[in-house]
Amino acid sequence: MGVLIVFIWVVVIALWFFGIVCAGAYACRLGRSMGTFAFLAFLCSPFIVAFLLFMLGETDEHRKTRIIEEEKWRRSCGTETSQHNEEQKENIVDILG
């Protein structure tokens, strides 16, 4: 019986630390301080901190950076697609000609 209790506590502690890491990673993804929110998750609860991060959302600076990167990516995809379409048209002309 004692071994089972120890095993359960080990699993609970492992899940607690996994939650702390997840809360820190989520904070980093939102442009917030990973260490600060991981420490808060350690002190209280990873669930509470994750909910707090959800309510706070991403920072304005992080949002601007993300939008600029997405726009660059979208434009590069559009350029690649148009080049690919032109190559296909040339191949069709070669096949038909």
N, C-alpha and C. Protein backbone atom coordinates (compact mmCIF):
# COMPACT_ATOMS: atom_id res chain seq x y z
N MET A 1 0.82 -1.20 0.00
CA MET A 1 0.00 0.00 0.00
C MET A 1 0.86 1.26 0.00
N GLY A 2 1.97 1.22 0.74
CA GLY A 2 2.85 2.37 0.84
C GLY A 2 3.50 2.71 -0.49
N VAL A 3 3.83 1.68 -1.28
CA VAL A 3 4.46 1.90 -2.58
C VAL A 3 3.49 2.59 -3.53
N LEU A 4 2.23 2.22 -3.46
CA LEU A 4 1.21 2.83 -4.31
C LEU A 4 1.05 4.32 -3.98
N ILE A 5 1.07 4.66 -2.72
CA ILE A 5 0.93 6.06 -2.30
C ILE A 5 2.13 6.87 -2.79
N VAL A 6 3.32 6.31 -2.64
CA VAL A 6 4.52 6.99 -3.13
C VAL A 6 4.44 7.18 -4.64
N PHE A 7 4.00 6.16 -5.36
CA PHE A 7 3.87 6.25 -6.82
C PHE A 7 2.88 7.34 -7.21
N ILE A 8 1.76 7.41 -6.52
CA ILE A 8 0.75 8.44 -6.81
C ILE A 8 1.33 9.83 -6.57
N TRP A 9 2.07 10.01 -5.47
CA TRP A 9 2.68 11.32 -5.19
C TRP A 9 3.71 11.69 -6.25
N VAL A 10 4.48 10.72 -6.71
CA VAL A 10 5.48 10.98 -7.76
C VAL A 10 4.77 11.42 -9.04
N VAL A 11 3.69 10.76 -9.38
CA VAL A 11 2.93 11.14 -10.58
C VAL A 11 2.33 12.53 -10.43
N VAL A 12 1.78 12.84 -9.27
CA VAL A 12 1.18 14.16 -9.04
C VAL A 12 2.25 15.25 -9.15
N ILE A 13 3.40 15.03 -8.54
CA ILE A 13 4.48 16.02 -8.60
C ILE A 13 5.00 16.17 -10.03
N ALA A 14 5.13 15.07 -10.76
CA ALA A 14 5.57 15.14 -12.16
C ALA A 14 4.57 15.92 -13.00
N LEU A 15 3.28 15.69 -12.79
CA LEU A 15 2.26 16.43 -13.53
C LEU A 15 2.27 17.91 -13.15
N TRP A 16 2.53 18.20 -11.88
CA TRP A 16 2.60 19.59 -11.42
C TRP A 16 3.73 20.31 -12.14
N PHE A 17 4.92 19.69 -12.21
CA PHE A 17 6.05 20.32 -12.89
C PHE A 17 5.82 20.40 -14.40
N PHE A 18 5.14 19.42 -14.97
CA PHE A 18 4.78 19.50 -16.38
C PHE A 18 3.86 20.68 -16.63
N GLY A 19 2.92 20.91 -15.71
CA GLY A 19 2.03 22.06 -15.82
C GLY A 19 2.78 23.37 -15.71
N ILE A 20 3.80 23.41 -14.85
CA ILE A 20 4.63 24.62 -14.72
C ILE A 20 5.35 24.90 -16.03
N VAL A 21 5.92 23.88 -16.63
CA VAL A 21 6.62 24.05 -17.92
C VAL A 21 5.64 24.50 -19.00
N CYS A 22 4.47 23.91 -19.03
CA CYS A 22 3.46 24.31 -20.03
C CYS A 22 3.01 25.75 -19.83
N ALA A 23 2.82 26.17 -18.59
CA ALA A 23 2.43 27.55 -18.32
C ALA A 23 3.52 28.51 -18.77
N GLY A 24 4.78 28.16 -18.52
CA GLY A 24 5.89 28.99 -18.96
C GLY A 24 5.99 29.07 -20.47
N ALA A 25 5.79 27.94 -21.15
CA ALA A 25 5.83 27.93 -22.61
C ALA A 25 4.68 28.75 -23.19
N TYR A 26 3.52 28.67 -22.58
CA TYR A 26 2.36 29.44 -23.04
C TYR A 26 2.61 30.93 -22.86
N ALA A 27 3.23 31.29 -21.74
CA ALA A 27 3.58 32.70 -21.51
C ALA A 27 4.56 33.19 -22.56
N CYS A 28 5.54 32.39 -22.88
CA CYS A 28 6.52 32.76 -23.90
C CYS A 28 5.84 32.92 -25.26
N ARG A 29 4.91 32.03 -25.58
CA ARG A 29 4.20 32.12 -26.85
C ARG A 29 3.36 33.39 -26.96
N LEU A 30 2.92 33.90 -25.82
CA LEU A 30 2.12 35.12 -25.82
C LEU A 30 2.97 36.38 -25.69
N GLY A 31 4.30 36.21 -25.65
CA GLY A 31 5.19 37.36 -25.54
C GLY A 31 5.35 37.86 -24.12
N ARG A 32 5.10 37.02 -23.17
CA ARG A 32 5.22 37.39 -21.77
C ARG A 32 6.41 36.66 -21.14
N SER A 33 6.80 37.06 -19.95
CA SER A 33 7.98 36.51 -19.28
C SER A 33 7.74 35.06 -18.87
N MET A 34 8.54 34.18 -19.45
CA MET A 34 8.40 32.77 -19.16
C MET A 34 8.72 32.47 -17.69
N GLY A 35 9.81 33.03 -17.19
CA GLY A 35 10.23 32.76 -15.82
C GLY A 35 9.24 33.24 -14.78
N THR A 36 8.70 34.42 -15.00
CA THR A 36 7.75 34.99 -14.04
C THR A 36 6.51 34.12 -13.91
N PHE A 37 5.96 33.73 -15.05
CA PHE A 37 4.72 32.96 -14.99
C PHE A 37 4.98 31.51 -14.58
N ALA A 38 6.16 30.97 -14.87
CA ALA A 38 6.49 29.64 -14.38
C ALA A 38 6.63 29.68 -12.85
N PHE A 39 7.23 30.74 -12.33
CA PHE A 39 7.35 30.88 -10.88
C PHE A 39 5.98 31.02 -10.22
N LEU A 40 5.10 31.82 -10.85
CA LEU A 40 3.74 31.95 -10.32
C LEU A 40 3.02 30.60 -10.34
N ALA A 41 3.24 29.82 -11.41
CA ALA A 41 2.61 28.50 -11.49
C ALA A 41 3.15 27.58 -10.40
N PHE A 42 4.43 27.73 -10.09
CA PHE A 42 5.02 26.93 -9.02
C PHE A 42 4.42 27.30 -7.67
N LEU A 43 4.20 28.59 -7.45
CA LEU A 43 3.68 29.04 -6.16
C LEU A 43 2.21 28.70 -5.95
N CYS A 44 1.39 28.93 -6.97
CA CYS A 44 -0.05 28.67 -6.77
C CYS A 44 -0.47 27.43 -7.55
N SER A 45 -0.87 27.60 -8.79
CA SER A 45 -1.35 26.47 -9.57
C SER A 45 -1.12 26.74 -11.06
N PRO A 46 -0.63 25.74 -11.79
CA PRO A 46 -0.46 25.93 -13.23
C PRO A 46 -1.79 26.22 -13.93
N PHE A 47 -2.88 25.68 -13.42
CA PHE A 47 -4.19 25.91 -14.03
C PHE A 47 -4.63 27.37 -13.87
N ILE A 48 -4.40 27.91 -12.68
CA ILE A 48 -4.76 29.31 -12.44
C ILE A 48 -3.92 30.23 -13.31
N VAL A 49 -2.63 29.95 -13.41
CA VAL A 49 -1.73 30.79 -14.21
C VAL A 49 -2.09 30.68 -15.69
N ALA A 50 -2.41 29.49 -16.16
CA ALA A 50 -2.81 29.32 -17.57
C ALA A 50 -4.08 30.11 -17.86
N PHE A 51 -5.02 30.08 -16.93
CA PHE A 51 -6.25 30.86 -17.11
C PHE A 51 -5.95 32.35 -17.10
N LEU A 52 -5.07 32.78 -16.20
CA LEU A 52 -4.66 34.18 -16.14
C LEU A 52 -4.00 34.61 -17.46
N LEU A 53 -3.13 33.78 -17.99
CA LEU A 53 -2.50 34.08 -19.28
C LEU A 53 -3.53 34.15 -20.40
N PHE A 54 -4.49 33.25 -20.35
CA PHE A 54 -5.55 33.26 -21.36
C PHE A 54 -6.32 34.57 -21.31
N MET A 55 -6.59 35.04 -20.10
CA MET A 55 -7.33 36.29 -19.95
C MET A 55 -6.49 37.50 -20.37
N LEU A 56 -5.19 37.48 -20.10
CA LEU A 56 -4.32 38.59 -20.46
C LEU A 56 -4.08 38.65 -21.97
N GLY A 57 -3.96 37.52 -22.61
CA GLY A 57 -3.70 37.47 -24.04
C GLY A 57 -2.26 37.87 -24.35
N GLU A 58 -1.98 38.00 -25.65
CA GLU A 58 -0.61 38.34 -26.03
C GLU A 58 -0.37 39.84 -25.93
N THR A 59 0.89 40.22 -25.79
CA THR A 59 1.24 41.63 -25.67
C THR A 59 1.09 42.31 -27.03
N ASP A 60 0.90 43.61 -27.02
CA ASP A 60 0.73 44.35 -28.27
C ASP A 60 1.99 44.25 -29.13
N GLU A 61 3.15 44.34 -28.50
CA GLU A 61 4.41 44.25 -29.25
C GLU A 61 4.55 42.89 -29.91
N HIS A 62 4.21 41.84 -29.18
CA HIS A 62 4.29 40.49 -29.74
C HIS A 62 3.29 40.32 -30.88
N ARG A 63 2.10 40.88 -30.72
CA ARG A 63 1.07 40.79 -31.76
C ARG A 63 1.54 41.47 -33.04
N LYS A 64 2.15 42.66 -32.91
CA LYS A 64 2.65 43.37 -34.09
C LYS A 64 3.74 42.56 -34.80
N THR A 65 4.66 42.01 -34.03
CA THR A 65 5.74 41.21 -34.61
C THR A 65 5.18 39.99 -35.32
N ARG A 66 4.20 39.32 -34.70
CA ARG A 66 3.59 38.13 -35.30
C ARG A 66 2.88 38.48 -36.60
N ILE A 67 2.17 39.59 -36.62
CA ILE A 67 1.44 39.99 -37.82
C ILE A 67 2.41 40.32 -38.95
N ILE A 68 3.50 41.00 -38.64
CA ILE A 68 4.50 41.32 -39.67
C ILE A 68 5.11 40.04 -40.24
N GLU A 69 5.46 39.08 -39.37
CA GLU A 69 6.02 37.82 -39.84
C GLU A 69 5.03 37.04 -40.69
N GLU A 70 3.76 37.02 -40.29
CA GLU A 70 2.74 36.33 -41.08
C GLU A 70 2.54 36.98 -42.44
N GLU A 71 2.61 38.30 -42.48
CA GLU A 71 2.45 39.00 -43.75
C GLU A 71 3.62 38.70 -44.69
N LYS A 72 4.84 38.68 -44.15
CA LYS A 72 6.01 38.31 -44.96
C LYS A 72 5.85 36.90 -45.51
N TRP A 73 5.38 35.99 -44.65
CA TRP A 73 5.19 34.61 -45.07
C TRP A 73 4.12 34.51 -46.16
N ARG A 74 3.02 35.26 -45.96
CA ARG A 74 1.93 35.23 -46.95
C ARG A 74 2.41 35.74 -48.29
N ARG A 75 3.19 36.82 -48.29
CA ARG A 75 3.70 37.36 -49.55
C ARG A 75 4.66 36.41 -50.22
N SER A 76 5.51 35.73 -49.45
CA SER A 76 6.44 34.78 -50.05
C SER A 76 5.69 33.59 -50.64
N CYS A 77 4.62 33.17 -49.98
CA CYS A 77 3.81 32.07 -50.53
C CYS A 77 3.13 32.50 -51.82
N GLY A 78 2.64 33.73 -51.87
CA GLY A 78 2.02 34.23 -53.09
C GLY A 78 3.00 34.30 -54.24
N THR A 79 4.24 34.70 -53.98
CA THR A 79 5.27 34.77 -55.02
C THR A 79 5.61 33.38 -55.51
N GLU A 80 5.77 32.43 -54.60
CA GLU A 80 6.08 31.06 -55.00
C GLU A 80 4.94 30.46 -55.81
N THR A 81 3.71 30.73 -55.43
CA THR A 81 2.55 30.20 -56.15
C THR A 81 2.48 30.77 -57.56
N SER A 82 2.70 32.07 -57.70
CA SER A 82 2.63 32.67 -59.03
C SER A 82 3.76 32.15 -59.92
N GLN A 83 4.95 31.94 -59.37
CA GLN A 83 6.04 31.37 -60.15
C GLN A 83 5.72 29.96 -60.57
N HIS A 84 5.12 29.19 -59.66
CA HIS A 84 4.75 27.81 -59.98
C HIS A 84 3.68 27.78 -61.08
N ASN A 85 2.71 28.70 -61.03
CA ASN A 85 1.67 28.77 -62.06
C ASN A 85 2.26 29.11 -63.42
N GLU A 86 3.22 30.03 -63.44
CA GLU A 86 3.86 30.40 -64.71
C GLU A 86 4.63 29.22 -65.28
N GLU A 87 5.29 28.44 -64.45
CA GLU A 87 6.01 27.26 -64.91
C GLU A 87 5.04 26.23 -65.48
N GLN A 88 3.89 26.06 -64.85
CA GLN A 88 2.90 25.12 -65.36
C GLN A 88 2.36 25.58 -66.70
N LYS A 89 2.13 26.88 -66.86
CA LYS A 89 1.66 27.40 -68.15
C LYS A 89 2.69 27.15 -69.23
N GLU A 90 3.98 27.35 -68.92
CA GLU A 90 5.03 27.09 -69.90
C GLU A 90 5.07 25.62 -70.26
N ASN A 91 4.90 24.73 -69.29
CA ASN A 91 4.91 23.30 -69.56
C ASN A 91 3.74 22.91 -70.46
N ILE A 92 2.57 23.49 -70.21
CA ILE A 92 1.40 23.19 -71.03
C ILE A 92 1.62 23.67 -72.45
N VAL A 93 2.21 24.87 -72.61
CA VAL A 93 2.50 25.40 -73.95
C VAL A 93 3.49 24.49 -74.65
N ASP A 94 4.50 24.00 -73.95
CA ASP A 94 5.48 23.10 -74.56
C ASP A 94 4.84 21.79 -74.98
N ILE A 95 3.94 21.27 -74.16
CA ILE A 95 3.27 20.01 -74.48
C ILE A 95 2.35 20.18 -75.69
N LEU A 96 1.59 21.28 -75.72
CA LEU A 96 0.66 21.52 -76.81
C LEU A 96 1.37 21.93 -78.09
N GLY A 97 2.54 22.59 -77.96
CA GLY A 97 3.24 23.15 -79.12
C GLY A 97 4.09 22.18 -79.81
